[in-house]
C-alpha atoms as a PDB file:
ATOM      1  CA  MET A   1      88.482 111.492 102.110  1.00  0.00           C
ATOM      2  CA  ALA A   2      91.517 110.210 100.254  1.00  0.00           C
ATOM      3  CA  ALA A   3      91.317 109.523  96.538  1.00  0.00           C
ATOM      4  CA  THR A   4      92.105 106.013  95.312  1.00  0.00           C
ATOM      5  CA  GLN A   5      94.813 105.223  92.752  1.00  0.00           C
ATOM      6  CA  ASN A   6      96.386 101.816  92.195  1.00  0.00           C
ATOM      7  CA  PHE A   7      99.991 101.342  91.060  1.00  0.00           C
ATOM      8  CA  THR A   8     101.767  98.333  89.534  1.00  0.00           C
ATOM      9  CA  VAL A   9     105.548  97.906  89.371  1.00  0.00           C
ATOM     10  CA  VAL A  10     107.906  95.037  88.568  1.00  0.00           C
ATOM     11  CA  LYS A  11     110.156  93.935  91.439  1.00  0.00           C
ATOM     12  CA  GLY A  12     113.620  95.429  90.968  1.00  0.00           C
ATOM     13  CA  ASP A  13     112.368  98.352  88.864  1.00  0.00           C
ATOM     14  CA  ASN A  14     112.420 101.943  90.033  1.00  0.00           C
ATOM     15  CA  PHE A  15     109.039 103.511  90.752  1.00  0.00           C
ATOM     16  CA  ALA A  16     108.345 107.066  89.612  1.00  0.00           C
ATOM     17  CA  ALA A  17     105.183 109.147  89.608  1.00  0.00           C
ATOM     18  CA  ASP A  18     104.266 112.813  89.371  1.00  0.00           C
ATOM     19  CA  LEU A  19     101.282 113.411  91.636  1.00  0.00           C
ATOM     20  CA  LEU A  20      99.180 116.524  90.938  1.00  0.00           C
ATOM     21  CA  PHE A  21      97.102 117.728  93.882  1.00  0.00           C
ATOM     22  CA  LYS A  22      94.131 120.015  93.207  1.00  0.00           C
ATOM     23  CA  ASP A  23      91.589 121.713  95.427  1.00  0.00           C
ATOM     24  CA  ALA A  24      87.802 121.388  95.079  1.00  0.00           C
ATOM     25  CA  ALA A  25      87.793 124.081  92.370  1.00  0.00           C
ATOM     26  CA  GLY A  26      90.319 122.127  90.305  1.00  0.00           C
ATOM     27  CA  ASP A  27      93.209 124.510  90.973  1.00  0.00           C
ATOM     28  CA  PRO A  28      96.661 123.194  91.943  1.00  0.00           C
ATOM     29  CA  ILE A  29      97.245 123.235  95.697  1.00  0.00           C
ATOM     30  CA  ASP A  30      99.946 125.687  96.794  1.00  0.00           C
ATOM     31  CA  LEU A  31     102.418 123.533  98.720  1.00  0.00           C
ATOM     32  CA  THR A  32     104.369 126.462 100.177  1.00  0.00           C
ATOM     33  CA  GLY A  33     104.997 125.545 103.812  1.00  0.00           C
ATOM     34  CA  ILE A  34     104.894 121.772 103.315  1.00  0.00           C
ATOM     35  CA  SER A  35     106.700 120.254 106.286  1.00  0.00           C
ATOM     36  CA  SER A  36     106.467 116.535 105.613  1.00  0.00           C
ATOM     37  CA  CYS A  37     105.404 114.139 102.922  1.00  0.00           C
ATOM     38  CA  GLU A  38     105.222 110.344 103.183  1.00  0.00           C
ATOM     39  CA  LEU A  39     104.517 107.371 100.957  1.00  0.00           C
ATOM     40  CA  ASN A  40     104.052 104.230 103.050  1.00  0.00           C
ATOM     41  CA  ILE A  41     103.632 100.781 101.503  1.00  0.00           C
ATOM     42  CA  ALA A  42     102.632  97.793 103.632  1.00  0.00           C
ATOM     43  CA  ALA A  43     101.156  94.317 103.371  1.00  0.00           C
ATOM     44  CA  ASP A  44      97.946  95.556 104.995  1.00  0.00           C
ATOM     45  CA  TYR A  45      96.551  98.680 106.663  1.00  0.00           C
ATOM     46  CA  GLU A  46      96.906  97.170 110.142  1.00  0.00           C
ATOM     47  CA  LEU A  47     100.662  96.561 109.652  1.00  0.00           C
ATOM     48  CA  THR A  48     100.322  92.993 110.907  1.00  0.00           C
ATOM     49  CA  THR A  49     103.341  91.875 108.871  1.00  0.00           C
ATOM     50  CA  SER A  50     106.793  93.356 108.461  1.00  0.00           C
ATOM     51  CA  ALA A  51     106.769  93.709 104.649  1.00  0.00           C
ATOM     52  CA  SER A  52     106.854  97.454 104.087  1.00  0.00           C
ATOM     53  CA  ALA A  53     108.639 100.398 102.465  1.00  0.00           C
ATOM     54  CA  SER A  54     108.556 104.117 103.253  1.00  0.00           C
ATOM     55  CA  TYR A  55     109.634 107.215 101.360  1.00  0.00           C
ATOM     56  CA  SER A  56     109.652 110.783 102.645  1.00  0.00           C
ATOM     57  CA  LEU A  57     110.361 114.363 101.655  1.00  0.00           C
ATOM     58  CA  GLY A  58     114.018 114.499 100.587  1.00  0.00           C
ATOM     59  CA  SER A  59     114.260 110.700 100.476  1.00  0.00           C
ATOM     60  CA  GLY A  60     112.504 109.681  97.278  1.00  0.00           C
ATOM     61  CA  ILE A  61     109.952 112.518  97.338  1.00  0.00           C
ATOM     62  CA  THR A  62     110.482 116.069  96.071  1.00  0.00           C
ATOM     63  CA  VAL A  63     108.368 119.184  95.529  1.00  0.00           C
ATOM     64  CA  PRO A  64     110.184 121.007  92.677  1.00  0.00           C
ATOM     65  CA  VAL A  65     107.847 124.028  92.424  1.00  0.00           C
ATOM     66  CA  LEU A  66     105.825 124.752  95.558  1.00  0.00           C
ATOM     67  CA  THR A  67     102.973 126.521  93.781  1.00  0.00           C
ATOM     68  CA  ASP A  68     102.153 124.018  91.013  1.00  0.00           C
ATOM     69  CA  GLY A  69     100.686 121.259  93.226  1.00  0.00           C
ATOM     70  CA  ILE A  70     103.028 118.560  91.893  1.00  0.00           C
ATOM     71  CA  ILE A  71     104.833 116.145  94.187  1.00  0.00           C
ATOM     72  CA  LYS A  72     107.381 113.865  92.523  1.00  0.00           C
ATOM     73  CA  VAL A  73     108.030 110.336  93.753  1.00  0.00           C
ATOM     74  CA  SER A  74     111.149 108.588  92.495  1.00  0.00           C
ATOM     75  CA  THR A  75     112.409 105.519  94.316  1.00  0.00           C
ATOM     76  CA  THR A  76     115.349 103.214  94.033  1.00  0.00           C
ATOM     77  CA  ALA A  77     114.682  99.629  92.978  1.00  0.00           C
ATOM     78  CA  ILE A  78     111.586  98.125  94.594  1.00  0.00           C
ATOM     79  CA  THR A  79     112.815  95.292  96.820  1.00  0.00           C
ATOM     80  CA  LEU A  80     109.461  94.120  98.148  1.00  0.00           C
ATOM     81  CA  GLU A  81     108.559  90.563  97.222  1.00  0.00           C
ATOM     82  CA  ALA A  82     106.041  90.095  94.404  1.00  0.00           C
ATOM     83  CA  ASP A  83     102.648  90.455  96.050  1.00  0.00           C
ATOM     84  CA  ALA A  84      99.702  92.814  96.513  1.00  0.00           C
ATOM     85  CA  TYR A  85     100.287  95.612  99.039  1.00  0.00           C
ATOM     86  CA  VAL A  86      98.410  98.706 100.159  1.00  0.00           C
ATOM     87  CA  TYR A  87      99.778 102.230 100.422  1.00  0.00           C
ATOM     88  CA  ASP A  88      98.877 105.700 101.539  1.00  0.00           C
ATOM     89  CA  PHE A  89     100.324 109.065 100.647  1.00  0.00           C
ATOM     90  CA  ALA A  90     100.065 111.926 103.122  1.00  0.00           C
ATOM     91  CA  TYR A  91     101.573 115.346 103.575  1.00  0.00           C
ATOM     92  CA  THR A  92     101.602 117.967 106.311  1.00  0.00           C
ATOM     93  CA  LEU A  93     100.882 121.525 105.253  1.00  0.00           C
ATOM     94  CA  GLY A  94     100.299 124.365 107.699  1.00  0.00           C
ATOM     95  CA  GLY A  95     100.443 121.907 110.595  1.00  0.00           C
ATOM     96  CA  VAL A  96      97.626 119.752 109.187  1.00  0.00           C
ATOM     97  CA  LYS A  97      98.390 116.182 108.118  1.00  0.00           C
ATOM     98  CA  THR A  98      96.164 114.971 105.293  1.00  0.00           C
ATOM     99  CA  THR A  99      96.080 111.590 103.577  1.00  0.00           C
ATOM    100  CA  TRP A 100      95.373 112.454  99.944  1.00  0.00           C
ATOM    101  CA  LEU A 101      95.895 109.183  98.159  1.00  0.00           C
ATOM    102  CA  ARG A 102      95.679 105.496  98.947  1.00  0.00           C
ATOM    103  CA  GLY A 103      95.165 102.232  97.142  1.00  0.00           C
ATOM    104  CA  LYS A 104      96.804  99.024  96.019  1.00  0.00           C
ATOM    105  CA  PHE A 105     100.516  98.797  95.249  1.00  0.00           C
ATOM    106  CA  ILE A 106     101.067  95.649  93.171  1.00  0.00           C
ATOM    107  CA  VAL A 107     104.590  94.263  92.838  1.00  0.00           C
ATOM    108  CA  LEU A 108     104.920  91.837  89.931  1.00  0.00           C
ATOM    109  CA  PRO A 109     107.686  89.218  89.759  1.00  0.00           C
ATOM    110  CA  GLU A 110     110.578  89.946  87.454  1.00  0.00           C
ATOM    111  CA  VAL A 111     111.187  87.479  84.643  1.00  0.00           C
ATOM    112  CA  THR A 112     114.921  88.086  84.418  1.00  0.00           C
ATOM    113  CA  PRO A 113     116.829  87.864  87.730  1.00  0.00           C
END
């Protein structure tokens, strides 16, 4: 089952996070062989509206050291309208796709245009 983590960002700001993935024993997961990695943000889990953003391995997501369990997310300016969204974060390792993280992705309005 995916862990839950909520994020808040101001519209127009860049979003960055270092995500550390550990196994049941608390050791970093060896990401050698990772073939895909996705962060998907949407208005709801059923995708009933078109408001969404996606980031993938090599396009906003990097794995600098395969054996330390850290996946880095660094996006350009968030262009979604101020609102509450949901997201999930999944990667494929050894041919198995696993959703590891999901939650709310809150976009706050910017004060200065």
